[in-house]
């Protein structure tokens, strides 16, 4: 049976009324408007058993906005995928579909690889 971890080394008590606990620095970043983002759409098969995936790299913003964009792209392409390491992975070669969808939805700074 695994032991429960009771204390993680954080602050136990503070007399400072303005202290901010549990601040996630990734969520603190500001998401730029779509027209100001440079996204790179590429095809990759490395370490995937020879299966092709379309990668969307270069997203800068909050994690929730990245997840939302990934979900919209997966839905549009009708395939599965994931959001990992600040990249969106879409199964299969869907570069053209993704490029068109991004262009239609205000992402004008795009690069194909």
PDB file of N, CA and C in Angstrom:
ATOM      1  N   UNK A   1       0.835  -1.174   0.000  1.00  0.00           N
ATOM      2  CA  UNK A   1       0.000   0.000   0.000  1.00  0.00           C
ATOM      3  C   UNK A   1       0.884   1.243   0.000  1.00  0.00           C
ATOM      4  N   UNK A   2       0.557   2.214  -0.838  1.00  0.00           N
ATOM      5  CA  UNK A   2       1.335   3.434  -0.945  1.00  0.00           C
ATOM      6  C   UNK A   2       1.054   4.358   0.233  1.00  0.00           C
ATOM      7  N   UNK A   3       2.113   5.029   0.684  1.00  0.00           N
ATOM      8  CA  UNK A   3       1.954   5.976   1.777  1.00  0.00           C
ATOM      9  C   UNK A   3       1.420   7.294   1.243  1.00  0.00           C
ATOM     10  N   UNK A   4       0.570   7.926   2.013  1.00  0.00           N
ATOM     11  CA  UNK A   4       0.041   9.229   1.639  1.00  0.00           C
ATOM     12  C   UNK A   4       1.056  10.311   1.989  1.00  0.00           C
ATOM     13  N   UNK A   5       1.196  11.267   1.084  1.00  0.00           N
ATOM     14  CA  UNK A   5       2.113  12.375   1.312  1.00  0.00           C
ATOM     15  C   UNK A   5       1.324  13.512   1.953  1.00  0.00           C
ATOM     16  N   UNK A   6       1.681  13.846   3.180  1.00  0.00           N
ATOM     17  CA  UNK A   6       0.937  14.850   3.922  1.00  0.00           C
ATOM     18  C   UNK A   6       1.477  16.258   3.726  1.00  0.00           C
ATOM     19  N   UNK A   7       2.762  16.411   3.549  1.00  0.00           N
ATOM     20  CA  UNK A   7       3.373  17.728   3.465  1.00  0.00           C
ATOM     21  C   UNK A   7       4.238  17.780   2.225  1.00  0.00           C
ATOM     22  N   UNK A   8       4.038  18.795   1.396  1.00  0.00           N
ATOM     23  CA  UNK A   8       4.799  18.884   0.153  1.00  0.00           C
ATOM     24  C   UNK A   8       5.892  19.942   0.194  1.00  0.00           C
ATOM     25  N   UNK A   9       6.191  20.512   1.337  1.00  0.00           N
ATOM     26  CA  UNK A   9       7.286  21.471   1.459  1.00  0.00           C
ATOM     27  C   UNK A   9       6.869  22.906   1.226  1.00  0.00           C
ATOM     28  N   UNK A  10       5.599  23.189   1.064  1.00  0.00           N
ATOM     29  CA  UNK A  10       5.126  24.544   0.827  1.00  0.00           C
ATOM     30  C   UNK A  10       4.956  25.316   2.127  1.00  0.00           C
ATOM     31  N   UNK A  11       4.297  26.434   2.054  1.00  0.00           N
ATOM     32  CA  UNK A  11       4.074  27.293   3.217  1.00  0.00           C
ATOM     33  C   UNK A  11       3.000  26.666   4.097  1.00  0.00           C
ATOM     34  N   UNK A  12       3.293  26.598   5.386  1.00  0.00           N
ATOM     35  CA  UNK A  12       2.339  26.048   6.333  1.00  0.00           C
ATOM     36  C   UNK A  12       1.499  27.162   6.948  1.00  0.00           C
ATOM     37  N   UNK A  13       2.151  28.256   7.317  1.00  0.00           N
ATOM     38  CA  UNK A  13       1.459  29.357   7.976  1.00  0.00           C
ATOM     39  C   UNK A  13       2.157  30.660   7.638  1.00  0.00           C
ATOM     40  N   UNK A  14       1.387  31.723   7.439  1.00  0.00           N
ATOM     41  CA  UNK A  14       1.961  33.032   7.182  1.00  0.00           C
ATOM     42  C   UNK A  14       1.076  34.106   7.789  1.00  0.00           C
ATOM     43  N   UNK A  15       1.700  35.147   8.318  1.00  0.00           N
ATOM     44  CA  UNK A  15       0.948  36.271   8.857  1.00  0.00           C
ATOM     45  C   UNK A  15       0.718  37.354   7.812  1.00  0.00           C
ATOM     46  N   UNK A  16       1.258  37.166   6.621  1.00  0.00           N
ATOM     47  CA  UNK A  16       1.109  38.132   5.533  1.00  0.00           C
ATOM     48  C   UNK A  16      -0.285  37.979   4.917  1.00  0.00           C
ATOM     49  N   UNK A  17      -1.163  39.004   5.001  1.00  0.00           N
ATOM     50  CA  UNK A  17      -2.508  38.882   4.436  1.00  0.00           C
ATOM     51  C   UNK A  17      -2.533  38.943   2.904  1.00  0.00           C
ATOM     52  N   UNK A  18      -1.434  39.404   2.287  1.00  0.00           N
ATOM     53  CA  UNK A  18      -1.394  39.537   0.831  1.00  0.00           C
ATOM     54  C   UNK A  18      -0.687  38.376   0.132  1.00  0.00           C
ATOM     55  N   UNK A  19      -0.430  37.302   0.840  1.00  0.00           N
ATOM     56  CA  UNK A  19       0.297  36.182   0.246  1.00  0.00           C
ATOM     57  C   UNK A  19      -0.601  35.460  -0.758  1.00  0.00           C
ATOM     58  N   UNK A  20      -0.012  35.065  -1.864  1.00  0.00           N
ATOM     59  CA  UNK A  20      -0.757  34.348  -2.897  1.00  0.00           C
ATOM     60  C   UNK A  20      -0.251  32.915  -2.939  1.00  0.00           C
ATOM     61  N   UNK A  21      -1.098  32.010  -2.586  1.00  0.00           N
ATOM     62  CA  UNK A  21      -0.749  30.598  -2.616  1.00  0.00           C
ATOM     63  C   UNK A  21      -1.210  29.974  -3.921  1.00  0.00           C
ATOM     64  N   UNK A  22      -0.510  28.979  -4.359  1.00  0.00           N
ATOM     65  CA  UNK A  22      -0.870  28.179  -5.521  1.00  0.00           C
ATOM     66  C   UNK A  22      -1.023  29.011  -6.794  1.00  0.00           C
ATOM     67  N   UNK A  23      -0.051  29.829  -7.088  1.00  0.00           N
ATOM     68  CA  UNK A  23      -0.064  30.622  -8.307  1.00  0.00           C
ATOM     69  C   UNK A  23       0.565  29.789  -9.410  1.00  0.00           C
ATOM     70  N   UNK A  24      -0.181  29.554 -10.469  1.00  0.00           N
ATOM     71  CA  UNK A  24       0.331  28.801 -11.607  1.00  0.00           C
ATOM     72  C   UNK A  24       0.884  29.795 -12.618  1.00  0.00           C
ATOM     73  N   UNK A  25       2.194  29.778 -12.818  1.00  0.00           N
ATOM     74  CA  UNK A  25       2.834  30.751 -13.696  1.00  0.00           C
ATOM     75  C   UNK A  25       2.438  30.546 -15.153  1.00  0.00           C
ATOM     76  N   UNK A  26       2.120  29.308 -15.555  1.00  0.00           N
ATOM     77  CA  UNK A  26       1.730  29.068 -16.940  1.00  0.00           C
ATOM     78  C   UNK A  26       0.400  29.740 -17.254  1.00  0.00           C
ATOM     79  N   UNK A  27      -0.524  29.755 -16.290  1.00  0.00           N
ATOM     80  CA  UNK A  27      -1.823  30.380 -16.505  1.00  0.00           C
ATOM     81  C   UNK A  27      -1.724  31.899 -16.473  1.00  0.00           C
ATOM     82  N   UNK A  28      -0.652  32.429 -15.901  1.00  0.00           N
ATOM     83  CA  UNK A  28      -0.506  33.870 -15.792  1.00  0.00           C
ATOM     84  C   UNK A  28      -0.129  34.518 -17.123  1.00  0.00           C
ATOM     85  N   UNK A  29       0.350  33.715 -18.077  1.00  0.00           N
ATOM     86  CA  UNK A  29       0.735  34.291 -19.362  1.00  0.00           C
ATOM     87  C   UNK A  29      -0.504  34.746 -20.126  1.00  0.00           C
ATOM     88  N   UNK A  30      -0.314  35.739 -20.953  1.00  0.00           N
ATOM     89  CA  UNK A  30      -1.411  36.333 -21.704  1.00  0.00           C
ATOM     90  C   UNK A  30      -1.487  35.678 -23.082  1.00  0.00           C
ATOM     91  N   UNK A  31      -2.698  35.342 -23.507  1.00  0.00           N
ATOM     92  CA  UNK A  31      -2.888  34.768 -24.825  1.00  0.00           C
ATOM     93  C   UNK A  31      -3.034  35.893 -25.833  1.00  0.00           C
ATOM     94  N   UNK A  32      -2.200  35.865 -26.851  1.00  0.00           N
ATOM     95  CA  UNK A  32      -2.254  36.882 -27.897  1.00  0.00           C
ATOM     96  C   UNK A  32      -3.462  36.655 -28.792  1.00  0.00           C
ATOM     97  N   UNK A  33      -3.945  37.694 -29.472  1.00  0.00           N
ATOM     98  CA  UNK A  33      -5.027  37.491 -30.437  1.00  0.00           C
ATOM     99  C   UNK A  33      -4.533  36.626 -31.603  1.00  0.00           C
ATOM    100  N   UNK A  34      -5.426  35.898 -32.272  1.00  0.00           N
ATOM    101  CA  UNK A  34      -5.013  34.977 -33.337  1.00  0.00           C
ATOM    102  C   UNK A  34      -4.180  35.612 -34.438  1.00  0.00           C
ATOM    103  N   UNK A  35      -4.452  36.851 -34.788  1.00  0.00           N
ATOM    104  CA  UNK A  35      -3.721  37.479 -35.903  1.00  0.00           C
ATOM    105  C   UNK A  35      -2.257  37.752 -35.567  1.00  0.00           C
ATOM    106  N   UNK A  36      -1.900  37.768 -34.270  1.00  0.00           N
ATOM    107  CA  UNK A  36      -0.533  38.063 -33.854  1.00  0.00           C
ATOM    108  C   UNK A  36       0.305  36.828 -33.545  1.00  0.00           C
ATOM    109  N   UNK A  37      -0.262  35.640 -33.675  1.00  0.00           N
ATOM    110  CA  UNK A  37       0.471  34.412 -33.356  1.00  0.00           C
ATOM    111  C   UNK A  37       1.089  33.812 -34.605  1.00  0.00           C
ATOM    112  N   UNK A  38       2.286  33.292 -34.474  1.00  0.00           N
ATOM    113  CA  UNK A  38       2.932  32.567 -35.558  1.00  0.00           C
ATOM    114  C   UNK A  38       2.834  31.080 -35.229  1.00  0.00           C
ATOM    115  N   UNK A  39       2.062  30.338 -36.017  1.00  0.00           N
ATOM    116  CA  UNK A  39       1.910  28.905 -35.817  1.00  0.00           C
ATOM    117  C   UNK A  39       2.596  28.161 -36.949  1.00  0.00           C
ATOM    118  N   UNK A  40       3.256  27.062 -36.617  1.00  0.00           N
ATOM    119  CA  UNK A  40       3.951  26.241 -37.600  1.00  0.00           C
ATOM    120  C   UNK A  40       3.215  24.919 -37.709  1.00  0.00           C
ATOM    121  N   UNK A  41       2.759  24.592 -38.921  1.00  0.00           N
ATOM    122  CA  UNK A  41       2.032  23.353 -39.181  1.00  0.00           C
ATOM    123  C   UNK A  41       2.980  22.423 -39.930  1.00  0.00           C
ATOM    124  N   UNK A  42       3.246  21.242 -39.363  1.00  0.00           N
ATOM    125  CA  UNK A  42       4.190  20.314 -39.989  1.00  0.00           C
ATOM    126  C   UNK A  42       3.722  18.874 -39.827  1.00  0.00           C
ATOM    127  N   UNK A  43       4.385  17.978 -40.548  1.00  0.00           N
ATOM    128  CA  UNK A  43       4.083  16.553 -40.516  1.00  0.00           C
ATOM    129  C   UNK A  43       5.235  15.851 -39.823  1.00  0.00           C
ATOM    130  N   UNK A  44       4.915  14.881 -38.960  1.00  0.00           N
ATOM    131  CA  UNK A  44       5.952  14.196 -38.196  1.00  0.00           C
ATOM    132  C   UNK A  44       5.602  12.724 -38.051  1.00  0.00           C
ATOM    133  N   UNK A  45       6.636  11.868 -38.050  1.00  0.00           N
ATOM    134  CA  UNK A  45       6.436  10.436 -37.840  1.00  0.00           C
ATOM    135  C   UNK A  45       7.481   9.869 -36.892  1.00  0.00           C
ATOM    136  N   UNK A  46       8.257  10.705 -36.266  1.00  0.00           N
ATOM    137  CA  UNK A  46       9.323  10.252 -35.383  1.00  0.00           C
ATOM    138  C   UNK A  46       8.757   9.671 -34.097  1.00  0.00           C
ATOM    139  N   UNK A  47       9.272   8.529 -33.708  1.00  0.00           N
ATOM    140  CA  UNK A  47       8.907   7.837 -32.467  1.00  0.00           C
ATOM    141  C   UNK A  47       7.411   7.588 -32.352  1.00  0.00           C
ATOM    142  N   UNK A  48       6.773   7.304 -33.469  1.00  0.00           N
ATOM    143  CA  UNK A  48       5.333   7.025 -33.463  1.00  0.00           C
ATOM    144  C   UNK A  48       5.021   5.736 -34.209  1.00  0.00           C
ATOM    145  N   UNK A  49       5.984   4.885 -34.362  1.00  0.00           N
ATOM    146  CA  UNK A  49       5.763   3.608 -35.030  1.00  0.00           C
ATOM    147  C   UNK A  49       5.466   3.762 -36.512  1.00  0.00           C
ATOM    148  N   UNK A  50       5.966   4.804 -37.139  1.00  0.00           N
ATOM    149  CA  UNK A  50       5.737   5.033 -38.557  1.00  0.00           C
ATOM    150  C   UNK A  50       4.419   5.710 -38.881  1.00  0.00           C
ATOM    151  N   UNK A  51       3.614   5.989 -37.883  1.00  0.00           N
ATOM    152  CA  UNK A  51       2.322   6.655 -38.111  1.00  0.00           C
ATOM    153  C   UNK A  51       2.524   8.161 -38.193  1.00  0.00           C
ATOM    154  N   UNK A  52       1.828   8.777 -39.132  1.00  0.00           N
ATOM    155  CA  UNK A  52       1.975  10.213 -39.359  1.00  0.00           C
ATOM    156  C   UNK A  52       1.067  11.009 -38.425  1.00  0.00           C
ATOM    157  N   UNK A  53       1.595  12.130 -37.968  1.00  0.00           N
ATOM    158  CA  UNK A  53       0.824  13.085 -37.170  1.00  0.00           C
ATOM    159  C   UNK A  53       1.104  14.483 -37.678  1.00  0.00           C
ATOM    160  N   UNK A  54       0.092  15.309 -37.635  1.00  0.00           N
ATOM    161  CA  UNK A  54       0.253  16.710 -37.993  1.00  0.00           C
ATOM    162  C   UNK A  54       0.489  17.484 -36.699  1.00  0.00           C
ATOM    163  N   UNK A  55       1.565  18.253 -36.659  1.00  0.00           N
ATOM    164  CA  UNK A  55       1.926  19.028 -35.481  1.00  0.00           C
ATOM    165  C   UNK A  55       1.621  20.501 -35.710  1.00  0.00           C
ATOM    166  N   UNK A  56       1.088  21.139 -34.703  1.00  0.00           N
ATOM    167  CA  UNK A  56       0.905  22.592 -34.713  1.00  0.00           C
ATOM    168  C   UNK A  56       1.745  23.120 -33.562  1.00  0.00           C
ATOM    169  N   UNK A  57       2.804  23.850 -33.890  1.00  0.00           N
ATOM    170  CA  UNK A  57       3.746  24.372 -32.895  1.00  0.00           C
ATOM    171  C   UNK A  57       3.684  25.896 -32.863  1.00  0.00           C
ATOM    172  N   UNK A  58       4.263  26.451 -31.805  1.00  0.00           N
ATOM    173  CA  UNK A  58       4.430  27.897 -31.725  1.00  0.00           C
ATOM    174  C   UNK A  58       3.312  28.619 -31.002  1.00  0.00           C
ATOM    175  N   UNK A  59       2.400  27.916 -30.354  1.00  0.00           N
ATOM    176  CA  UNK A  59       1.307  28.569 -29.647  1.00  0.00           C
ATOM    177  C   UNK A  59       1.850  29.184 -28.367  1.00  0.00           C
ATOM    178  N   UNK A  60       1.558  30.447 -28.151  1.00  0.00           N
ATOM    179  CA  UNK A  60       1.938  31.100 -26.902  1.00  0.00           C
ATOM    180  C   UNK A  60       0.670  31.626 -26.254  1.00  0.00           C
ATOM    181  N   UNK A  61       0.430  31.172 -25.056  1.00  0.00           N
ATOM    182  CA  UNK A  61      -0.773  31.584 -24.345  1.00  0.00           C
ATOM    183  C   UNK A  61      -1.063  30.628 -23.213  1.00  0.00           C
ATOM    184  N   UNK A  62      -2.269  30.701 -22.708  1.00  0.00           N
ATOM    185  CA  UNK A  62      -2.634  29.860 -21.576  1.00  0.00           C
ATOM    186  C   UNK A  62      -2.875  28.426 -22.023  1.00  0.00           C
ATOM    187  N   UNK A  63      -2.765  27.534 -21.074  1.00  0.00           N
ATOM    188  CA  UNK A  63      -2.959  26.108 -21.334  1.00  0.00           C
ATOM    189  C   UNK A  63      -4.410  25.816 -21.742  1.00  0.00           C
ATOM    190  N   UNK A  64      -5.357  26.535 -21.153  1.00  0.00           N
ATOM    191  CA  UNK A  64      -6.763  26.299 -21.485  1.00  0.00           C
ATOM    192  C   UNK A  64      -7.067  26.720 -22.923  1.00  0.00           C
ATOM    193  N   UNK A  65      -6.452  27.801 -23.388  1.00  0.00           N
ATOM    194  CA  UNK A  65      -6.659  28.232 -24.770  1.00  0.00           C
ATOM    195  C   UNK A  65      -6.037  27.251 -25.753  1.00  0.00           C
ATOM    196  N   UNK A  66      -4.900  26.680 -25.379  1.00  0.00           N
ATOM    197  CA  UNK A  66      -4.257  25.675 -26.219  1.00  0.00           C
ATOM    198  C   UNK A  66      -5.127  24.422 -26.305  1.00  0.00           C
ATOM    199  N   UNK A  67      -5.679  23.991 -25.177  1.00  0.00           N
ATOM    200  CA  UNK A  67      -6.575  22.827 -25.161  1.00  0.00           C
ATOM    201  C   UNK A  67      -7.816  23.090 -26.016  1.00  0.00           C
ATOM    202  N   UNK A  68      -8.352  24.292 -25.928  1.00  0.00           N
ATOM    203  CA  UNK A  68      -9.540  24.649 -26.698  1.00  0.00           C
ATOM    204  C   UNK A  68      -9.254  24.609 -28.203  1.00  0.00           C
ATOM    205  N   UNK A  69      -8.119  25.164 -28.621  1.00  0.00           N
ATOM    206  CA  UNK A  69      -7.740  25.142 -30.029  1.00  0.00           C
ATOM    207  C   UNK A  69      -7.520  23.712 -30.502  1.00  0.00           C
ATOM    208  N   UNK A  70      -6.865  22.895 -29.682  1.00  0.00           N
ATOM    209  CA  UNK A  70      -6.653  21.495 -30.029  1.00  0.00           C
ATOM    210  C   UNK A  70      -7.956  20.745 -30.210  1.00  0.00           C
ATOM    211  N   UNK A  71      -8.906  20.993 -29.348  1.00  0.00           N
ATOM    212  CA  UNK A  71     -10.215  20.334 -29.449  1.00  0.00           C
ATOM    213  C   UNK A  71     -10.948  20.763 -30.718  1.00  0.00           C
ATOM    214  N   UNK A  72     -10.869  22.042 -31.063  1.00  0.00           N
ATOM    215  CA  UNK A  72     -11.518  22.534 -32.274  1.00  0.00           C
ATOM    216  C   UNK A  72     -10.892  21.918 -33.521  1.00  0.00           C
ATOM    217  N   UNK A  73      -9.571  21.801 -33.553  1.00  0.00           N
ATOM    218  CA  UNK A  73      -8.898  21.223 -34.712  1.00  0.00           C
ATOM    219  C   UNK A  73      -9.203  19.737 -34.849  1.00  0.00           C
ATOM    220  N   UNK A  74      -9.225  19.005 -33.737  1.00  0.00           N
ATOM    221  CA  UNK A  74      -9.555  17.577 -33.783  1.00  0.00           C
ATOM    222  C   UNK A  74     -10.975  17.373 -34.284  1.00  0.00           C
ATOM    223  N   UNK A  75     -11.876  18.208 -33.826  1.00  0.00           N
ATOM    224  CA  UNK A  75     -13.273  18.107 -34.247  1.00  0.00           C
ATOM    225  C   UNK A  75     -13.419  18.404 -35.731  1.00  0.00           C
ATOM    226  N   UNK A  76     -12.726  19.431 -36.213  1.00  0.00           N
ATOM    227  CA  UNK A  76     -12.817  19.806 -37.622  1.00  0.00           C
ATOM    228  C   UNK A  76     -12.251  18.712 -38.530  1.00  0.00           C
ATOM    229  N   UNK A  77     -11.141  18.114 -38.129  1.00  0.00           N
ATOM    230  CA  UNK A  77     -10.508  17.078 -38.952  1.00  0.00           C
ATOM    231  C   UNK A  77     -11.199  15.728 -38.803  1.00  0.00           C
ATOM    232  N   UNK A  78     -11.969  15.558 -37.753  1.00  0.00           N
ATOM    233  CA  UNK A  78     -12.667  14.298 -37.537  1.00  0.00           C
ATOM    234  C   UNK A  78     -11.730  13.171 -37.138  1.00  0.00           C
ATOM    235  N   UNK A  79     -10.644  13.505 -36.470  1.00  0.00           N
ATOM    236  CA  UNK A  79      -9.673  12.507 -36.029  1.00  0.00           C
ATOM    237  C   UNK A  79      -9.317  12.735 -34.577  1.00  0.00           C
ATOM    238  N   UNK A  80      -8.525  11.846 -34.049  1.00  0.00           N
ATOM    239  CA  UNK A  80      -8.052  11.979 -32.681  1.00  0.00           C
ATOM    240  C   UNK A  80      -6.801  12.823 -32.636  1.00  0.00           C
ATOM    241  N   UNK A  81      -6.345  13.041 -31.445  1.00  0.00           N
ATOM    242  CA  UNK A  81      -5.133  13.817 -31.272  1.00  0.00           C
ATOM    243  C   UNK A  81      -4.906  14.101 -29.808  1.00  0.00           C
ATOM    244  N   UNK A  82      -3.944  14.956 -29.545  1.00  0.00           N
ATOM    245  CA  UNK A  82      -3.604  15.296 -28.166  1.00  0.00           C
ATOM    246  C   UNK A  82      -2.913  16.653 -28.129  1.00  0.00           C
ATOM    247  N   UNK A  83      -2.817  17.185 -26.927  1.00  0.00           N
ATOM    248  CA  UNK A  83      -2.059  18.405 -26.689  1.00  0.00           C
ATOM    249  C   UNK A  83      -0.978  18.047 -25.690  1.00  0.00           C
ATOM    250  N   UNK A  84       0.284  18.090 -26.139  1.00  0.00           N
ATOM    251  CA  UNK A  84       1.417  17.728 -25.284  1.00  0.00           C
ATOM    252  C   UNK A  84       2.568  18.697 -25.528  1.00  0.00           C
ATOM    253  N   UNK A  85       3.252  19.045 -24.458  1.00  0.00           N
ATOM    254  CA  UNK A  85       4.457  19.871 -24.549  1.00  0.00           C
ATOM    255  C   UNK A  85       4.254  21.139 -25.368  1.00  0.00           C
ATOM    256  N   UNK A  86       3.143  21.799 -25.182  1.00  0.00           N
ATOM    257  CA  UNK A  86       2.816  23.034 -25.885  1.00  0.00           C
ATOM    258  C   UNK A  86       2.709  22.843 -27.399  1.00  0.00           C
ATOM    259  N   UNK A  87       2.333  21.638 -27.829  1.00  0.00           N
ATOM    260  CA  UNK A  87       2.112  21.311 -29.238  1.00  0.00           C
ATOM    261  C   UNK A  87       0.768  20.618 -29.373  1.00  0.00           C
ATOM    262  N   UNK A  88       0.155  20.802 -30.517  1.00  0.00           N
ATOM    263  CA  UNK A  88      -1.092  20.103 -30.818  1.00  0.00           C
ATOM    264  C   UNK A  88      -0.758  19.001 -31.810  1.00  0.00           C
ATOM    265  N   UNK A  89      -1.123  17.759 -31.481  1.00  0.00           N
ATOM    266  CA  UNK A  89      -0.889  16.617 -32.358  1.00  0.00           C
ATOM    267  C   UNK A  89      -2.233  16.149 -32.898  1.00  0.00           C
ATOM    268  N   UNK A  90      -2.353  16.058 -34.216  1.00  0.00           N
ATOM    269  CA  UNK A  90      -3.567  15.575 -34.867  1.00  0.00           C
ATOM    270  C   UNK A  90      -3.180  14.334 -35.678  1.00  0.00           C
ATOM    271  N   UNK A  91      -3.903  13.254 -35.511  1.00  0.00           N
ATOM    272  CA  UNK A  91      -3.576  12.022 -36.208  1.00  0.00           C
ATOM    273  C   UNK A  91      -3.750  12.171 -37.708  1.00  0.00           C
ATOM    274  N   UNK A  92      -2.794  11.642 -38.461  1.00  0.00           N
ATOM    275  CA  UNK A  92      -2.866  11.641 -39.914  1.00  0.00           C
ATOM    276  C   UNK A  92      -2.278  12.895 -40.535  1.00  0.00           C
ATOM    277  N   UNK A  93      -2.266  12.892 -41.874  1.00  0.00           N
ATOM    278  CA  UNK A  93      -1.747  14.040 -42.628  1.00  0.00           C
ATOM    279  C   UNK A  93      -2.903  14.995 -42.919  1.00  0.00           C
ATOM    280  N   UNK A  94      -3.112  15.948 -42.037  1.00  0.00           N
ATOM    281  CA  UNK A  94      -4.204  16.915 -42.150  1.00  0.00           C
ATOM    282  C   UNK A  94      -3.672  18.334 -42.262  1.00  0.00           C
ATOM    283  N   UNK A  95      -2.501  18.492 -42.841  1.00  0.00           N
ATOM    284  CA  UNK A  95      -1.883  19.817 -42.912  1.00  0.00           C
ATOM    285  C   UNK A  95      -2.758  20.817 -43.654  1.00  0.00           C
ATOM    286  N   UNK A  96      -3.287  20.430 -44.812  1.00  0.00           N
ATOM    287  CA  UNK A  96      -4.100  21.356 -45.610  1.00  0.00           C
ATOM    288  C   UNK A  96      -5.382  21.750 -44.888  1.00  0.00           C
ATOM    289  N   UNK A  97      -6.071  20.768 -44.294  1.00  0.00           N
ATOM    290  CA  UNK A  97      -7.302  21.067 -43.554  1.00  0.00           C
ATOM    291  C   UNK A  97      -7.027  22.025 -42.406  1.00  0.00           C
ATOM    292  N   UNK A  98      -5.985  21.740 -41.639  1.00  0.00           N
ATOM    293  CA  UNK A  98      -5.656  22.568 -40.482  1.00  0.00           C
ATOM    294  C   UNK A  98      -5.245  23.965 -40.927  1.00  0.00           C
ATOM    295  N   UNK A  99      -4.448  24.023 -41.991  1.00  0.00           N
ATOM    296  CA  UNK A  99      -3.997  25.317 -42.504  1.00  0.00           C
ATOM    297  C   UNK A  99      -5.197  26.160 -42.931  1.00  0.00           C
ATOM    298  N   UNK A 100      -6.142  25.549 -43.643  1.00  0.00           N
ATOM    299  CA  UNK A 100      -7.335  26.279 -44.083  1.00  0.00           C
ATOM    300  C   UNK A 100      -8.184  26.721 -42.900  1.00  0.00           C
ATOM    301  N   UNK A 101      -8.376  25.838 -41.911  1.00  0.00           N
ATOM    302  CA  UNK A 101      -9.197  26.181 -40.750  1.00  0.00           C
ATOM    303  C   UNK A 101      -8.566  27.338 -39.980  1.00  0.00           C
ATOM    304  N   UNK A 102      -7.263  27.267 -39.757  1.00  0.00           N
ATOM    305  CA  UNK A 102      -6.582  28.336 -39.024  1.00  0.00           C
ATOM    306  C   UNK A 102      -6.668  29.663 -39.778  1.00  0.00           C
ATOM    307  N   UNK A 103      -6.487  29.611 -41.087  1.00  0.00           N
ATOM    308  CA  UNK A 103      -6.548  30.816 -41.906  1.00  0.00           C
ATOM    309  C   UNK A 103      -7.950  31.430 -41.866  1.00  0.00           C
ATOM    310  N   UNK A 104      -8.964  30.589 -41.923  1.00  0.00           N
ATOM    311  CA  UNK A 104     -10.356  31.052 -41.901  1.00  0.00           C
ATOM    312  C   UNK A 104     -10.744  31.638 -40.546  1.00  0.00           C
ATOM    313  N   UNK A 105     -10.083  31.206 -39.494  1.00  0.00           N
ATOM    314  CA  UNK A 105     -10.431  31.655 -38.148  1.00  0.00           C
ATOM    315  C   UNK A 105      -9.494  32.722 -37.595  1.00  0.00           C
ATOM    316  N   UNK A 106      -8.805  33.433 -38.465  1.00  0.00           N
ATOM    317  CA  UNK A 106      -8.048  34.600 -38.038  1.00  0.00           C
ATOM    318  C   UNK A 106      -6.580  34.382 -37.750  1.00  0.00           C
ATOM    319  N   UNK A 107      -6.078  33.185 -37.920  1.00  0.00           N
ATOM    320  CA  UNK A 107      -4.651  32.921 -37.708  1.00  0.00           C
ATOM    321  C   UNK A 107      -3.949  33.156 -39.041  1.00  0.00           C
ATOM    322  N   UNK A 108      -3.440  34.369 -39.244  1.00  0.00           N
ATOM    323  CA  UNK A 108      -2.882  34.734 -40.547  1.00  0.00           C
ATOM    324  C   UNK A 108      -1.377  34.505 -40.623  1.00  0.00           C
ATOM    325  N   UNK A 109      -0.689  34.425 -39.491  1.00  0.00           N
ATOM    326  CA  UNK A 109       0.749  34.168 -39.507  1.00  0.00           C
ATOM    327  C   UNK A 109       0.965  32.662 -39.387  1.00  0.00           C
ATOM    328  N   UNK A 110       1.004  31.993 -40.519  1.00  0.00           N
ATOM    329  CA  UNK A 110       1.167  30.542 -40.536  1.00  0.00           C
ATOM    330  C   UNK A 110       2.388  30.172 -41.364  1.00  0.00           C
ATOM    331  N   UNK A 111       2.994  29.070 -40.996  1.00  0.00           N
ATOM    332  CA  UNK A 111       4.153  28.582 -41.729  1.00  0.00           C
ATOM    333  C   UNK A 111       3.984  27.086 -41.917  1.00  0.00           C
ATOM    334  N   UNK A 112       4.215  26.606 -43.148  1.00  0.00           N
ATOM    335  CA  UNK A 112       4.148  25.171 -43.431  1.00  0.00           C
ATOM    336  C   UNK A 112       5.542  24.588 -43.440  1.00  0.00           C
ATOM    337  N   UNK A 113       5.692  23.426 -42.857  1.00  0.00           N
ATOM    338  CA  UNK A 113       6.966  22.696 -42.886  1.00  0.00           C
ATOM    339  C   UNK A 113       6.729  21.327 -43.451  1.00  0.00           C
TER     340      UNK A 113
END
